[in-house]
């Protein structure tokens, strides 16, 4: 038991995906990884609402824990939060829910998918692999905490990038979390 505790003390990111915070009013939040207009996105753990919090207030918040990749994904899907994604060259966009990929390139398709959630063994960050019976495969992964994905000025900067192999063509872009 001591060895296990020491192991996770030394390598804490092996099982952890996303940070939990508490503010000065004892409100608990889950960090969602997006930034826009000097604010960051968080999910209120009590209500499931997405709050955009000014960076100055975020600096006053305390980290109280982290969720495993599976716990993180379950919190999101239970609160009707999913990934929105887009890219260009060629232009495309997508929405990823618990078991669906809505993909728009030349036409819109609604594809049943299976999602596998884990931490990367290389970067120790959140990774979501998805695939369909039709051969569509993809991956959403969280970038290094110092990096941001910012393709579209109308969408928030995010810590998530996405790759989708759709009918043999690879689409690369940015993804962010929001209410479905």
Protein backbone atom coordinates (compact mmCIF):
# COMPACT_ATOMS: atom_id res chain seq x y z
CA UNK A 1 0.00 0.00 0.00
CA UNK A 2 2.83 2.41 0.84
CA UNK A 3 4.51 1.62 -2.47
CA UNK A 4 1.29 2.41 -4.36
CA UNK A 5 0.90 5.70 -2.50
CA UNK A 6 4.53 6.67 -3.22
CA UNK A 7 4.16 5.62 -6.85
CA UNK A 8 1.17 7.93 -7.41
CA UNK A 9 2.85 10.68 -5.39
CA UNK A 10 5.82 10.54 -7.77
CA UNK A 11 3.75 9.99 -10.94
CA UNK A 12 0.38 11.64 -10.20
CA UNK A 13 -0.61 12.29 -13.81
CA UNK A 14 -0.74 8.59 -14.66
CA UNK A 15 -4.36 8.45 -13.50
CA UNK A 16 -5.50 12.06 -13.62
CA UNK A 17 -7.10 14.15 -16.35
CA UNK A 18 -8.63 17.44 -15.27
CA UNK A 19 -8.37 19.80 -12.32
CA UNK A 20 -10.99 20.57 -9.69
CA UNK A 21 -11.01 24.01 -8.06
CA UNK A 22 -12.76 25.86 -5.25
CA UNK A 23 -13.34 29.61 -5.15
CA UNK A 24 -13.51 32.00 -2.17
CA UNK A 25 -17.26 31.29 -1.78
CA UNK A 26 -16.54 27.51 -1.52
CA UNK A 27 -18.05 26.87 -4.94
CA UNK A 28 -16.46 23.84 -6.63
CA UNK A 29 -15.54 23.88 -10.30
CA UNK A 30 -14.16 21.56 -12.96
CA UNK A 31 -11.73 23.22 -15.37
CA UNK A 32 -12.89 22.84 -19.00
CA UNK A 33 -9.79 24.16 -20.72
CA UNK A 34 -11.01 27.11 -22.81
CA UNK A 35 -10.02 30.78 -22.77
CA UNK A 36 -11.81 33.69 -24.39
CA UNK A 37 -11.77 37.44 -23.70
CA UNK A 38 -9.52 37.03 -20.63
CA UNK A 39 -11.88 34.46 -19.08
CA UNK A 40 -11.58 30.70 -18.60
CA UNK A 41 -14.32 28.05 -18.79
CA UNK A 42 -15.31 25.98 -15.76
CA UNK A 43 -18.23 23.69 -14.99
CA UNK A 44 -20.01 24.45 -11.71
CA UNK A 45 -20.02 21.03 -10.04
CA UNK A 46 -23.27 21.74 -8.17
CA UNK A 47 -25.39 22.94 -11.09
CA UNK A 48 -23.56 21.60 -14.15
CA UNK A 49 -23.60 25.10 -15.68
CA UNK A 50 -20.61 26.44 -17.58
CA UNK A 51 -19.20 29.59 -15.99
CA UNK A 52 -16.68 31.89 -17.65
CA UNK A 53 -14.45 33.22 -14.89
CA UNK A 54 -12.09 36.19 -15.16
CA UNK A 55 -8.42 35.22 -14.99
CA UNK A 56 -7.88 37.42 -11.91
CA UNK A 57 -10.52 35.41 -10.02
CA UNK A 58 -9.10 32.14 -11.35
CA UNK A 59 -5.73 33.05 -9.85
CA UNK A 60 -7.45 33.27 -6.43
CA UNK A 61 -9.02 29.82 -6.76
CA UNK A 62 -7.40 26.78 -5.16
CA UNK A 63 -6.94 23.42 -6.82
CA UNK A 64 -8.56 20.76 -4.64
CA UNK A 65 -8.09 17.66 -6.75
CA UNK A 66 -8.12 16.03 -10.14
CA UNK A 67 -10.45 13.63 -11.92
CA UNK A 68 -9.38 10.50 -13.74
CA UNK A 69 -10.01 10.54 -17.52
CA UNK A 70 -13.11 8.36 -17.11
CA UNK A 71 -14.49 10.43 -14.20
CA UNK A 72 -13.87 13.59 -16.23
CA UNK A 73 -15.70 12.25 -19.31
CA UNK A 74 -18.60 10.95 -17.18
CA UNK A 75 -18.99 14.36 -15.45
CA UNK A 76 -19.11 16.03 -18.86
CA UNK A 77 -21.60 13.67 -20.47
CA UNK A 78 -23.82 13.54 -17.37
CA UNK A 79 -24.07 17.35 -17.55
CA UNK A 80 -24.71 17.38 -21.32
CA UNK A 81 -21.31 18.78 -22.22
CA UNK A 82 -19.47 17.58 -25.30
CA UNK A 83 -16.72 18.54 -27.70
CA UNK A 84 -17.23 21.02 -30.51
CA UNK A 85 -14.49 20.97 -33.11
CA UNK A 86 -13.50 22.63 -36.35
CA UNK A 87 -10.68 23.01 -38.79
CA UNK A 88 -9.89 24.25 -42.24
CA UNK A 89 -8.00 23.22 -45.36
CA UNK A 90 -10.53 21.79 -45.94
CA UNK A 91 -13.17 23.50 -43.77
CA UNK A 92 -15.09 21.16 -41.48
CA UNK A 93 -16.79 21.08 -38.08
CA UNK A 94 -17.99 18.42 -35.69
CA UNK A 95 -19.76 17.77 -32.42
CA UNK A 96 -18.82 14.78 -30.25
CA UNK A 97 -21.16 13.45 -27.60
CA UNK A 98 -21.10 10.29 -25.50
CA UNK A 99 -21.82 8.05 -28.49
CA UNK A 100 -22.26 10.26 -31.58
CA UNK A 101 -20.16 12.23 -34.00
CA UNK A 102 -21.94 14.89 -36.02
CA UNK A 103 -19.50 15.65 -38.81
CA UNK A 104 -19.92 18.35 -41.47
CA UNK A 105 -17.56 18.57 -44.39
CA UNK A 106 -19.32 18.47 -47.75
CA UNK A 107 -22.48 17.14 -46.15
CA UNK A 108 -23.55 16.55 -42.58
CA UNK A 109 -23.41 13.03 -41.18
CA UNK A 110 -24.55 11.73 -37.81
CA UNK A 111 -22.32 8.76 -36.99
CA UNK A 112 -22.60 6.29 -34.10
CA UNK A 113 -19.23 6.03 -32.35
CA UNK A 114 -17.59 4.26 -29.45
CA UNK A 115 -15.24 6.35 -27.29
CA UNK A 116 -12.26 5.04 -25.33
CA UNK A 117 -10.93 7.41 -22.67
CA UNK A 118 -7.42 7.26 -21.22
CA UNK A 119 -4.29 9.18 -20.27
CA UNK A 120 -1.54 9.17 -22.86
CA UNK A 121 1.46 7.06 -21.88
CA UNK A 122 3.71 9.56 -23.65
CA UNK A 123 2.39 12.93 -22.49
CA UNK A 124 0.29 11.79 -19.49
CA UNK A 125 -2.55 14.00 -20.73
CA UNK A 126 -6.23 13.25 -21.48
CA UNK A 127 -6.87 11.35 -24.71
CA UNK A 128 -10.24 10.29 -26.18
CA UNK A 129 -10.13 7.80 -29.06
CA UNK A 130 -13.29 7.23 -31.05
CA UNK A 131 -14.28 4.93 -33.88
CA UNK A 132 -17.32 3.86 -35.85
CA UNK A 133 -18.38 0.67 -37.58
CA UNK A 134 -18.04 2.61 -40.85
CA UNK A 135 -14.29 3.10 -40.36
CA UNK A 136 -14.33 6.67 -39.06
CA UNK A 137 -11.64 7.04 -36.41
CA UNK A 138 -10.38 9.96 -34.42
CA UNK A 139 -8.67 11.31 -31.39
CA UNK A 140 -9.14 14.31 -29.11
CA UNK A 141 -6.19 15.05 -26.90
CA UNK A 142 -5.30 17.67 -24.39
CA UNK A 143 -2.27 19.75 -25.21
CA UNK A 144 0.49 20.64 -22.79
CA UNK A 145 -0.91 23.10 -20.21
CA UNK A 146 1.25 25.91 -21.63
CA UNK A 147 -0.14 25.39 -25.16
CA UNK A 148 -3.44 26.49 -26.69
CA UNK A 149 -5.24 25.46 -29.87
CA UNK A 150 -6.69 28.56 -31.53
CA UNK A 151 -7.87 28.09 -35.11
CA UNK A 152 -11.04 30.15 -35.24
CA UNK A 153 -11.41 33.64 -33.79
CA UNK A 154 -15.16 33.01 -33.18
CA UNK A 155 -14.39 30.01 -30.95
CA UNK A 156 -12.50 29.99 -27.65
CA UNK A 157 -8.85 29.01 -27.45
CA UNK A 158 -8.65 25.53 -26.02
CA UNK A 159 -6.26 22.96 -24.63
CA UNK A 160 -7.73 20.27 -26.93
CA UNK A 161 -6.74 19.31 -30.46
CA UNK A 162 -8.56 16.82 -32.66
CA UNK A 163 -7.79 14.49 -35.56
CA UNK A 164 -10.49 12.68 -37.55
CA UNK A 165 -9.89 10.13 -40.29
CA UNK A 166 -13.07 10.32 -42.33
CA UNK A 167 -13.24 8.09 -45.43
CA UNK A 168 -9.45 8.09 -45.74
CA UNK A 169 -9.01 11.85 -45.38
CA UNK A 170 -7.44 13.21 -42.18
CA UNK A 171 -9.01 16.34 -40.70
CA UNK A 172 -7.04 18.26 -38.05
CA UNK A 173 -8.36 21.04 -35.84
CA UNK A 174 -9.16 22.37 -32.41
CA UNK A 175 -11.86 21.20 -30.01
CA UNK A 176 -13.48 22.85 -27.00
CA UNK A 177 -16.05 21.79 -24.41
CA UNK A 178 -19.53 23.32 -24.27
CA UNK A 179 -23.16 22.49 -23.54
CA UNK A 180 -24.78 20.29 -26.17
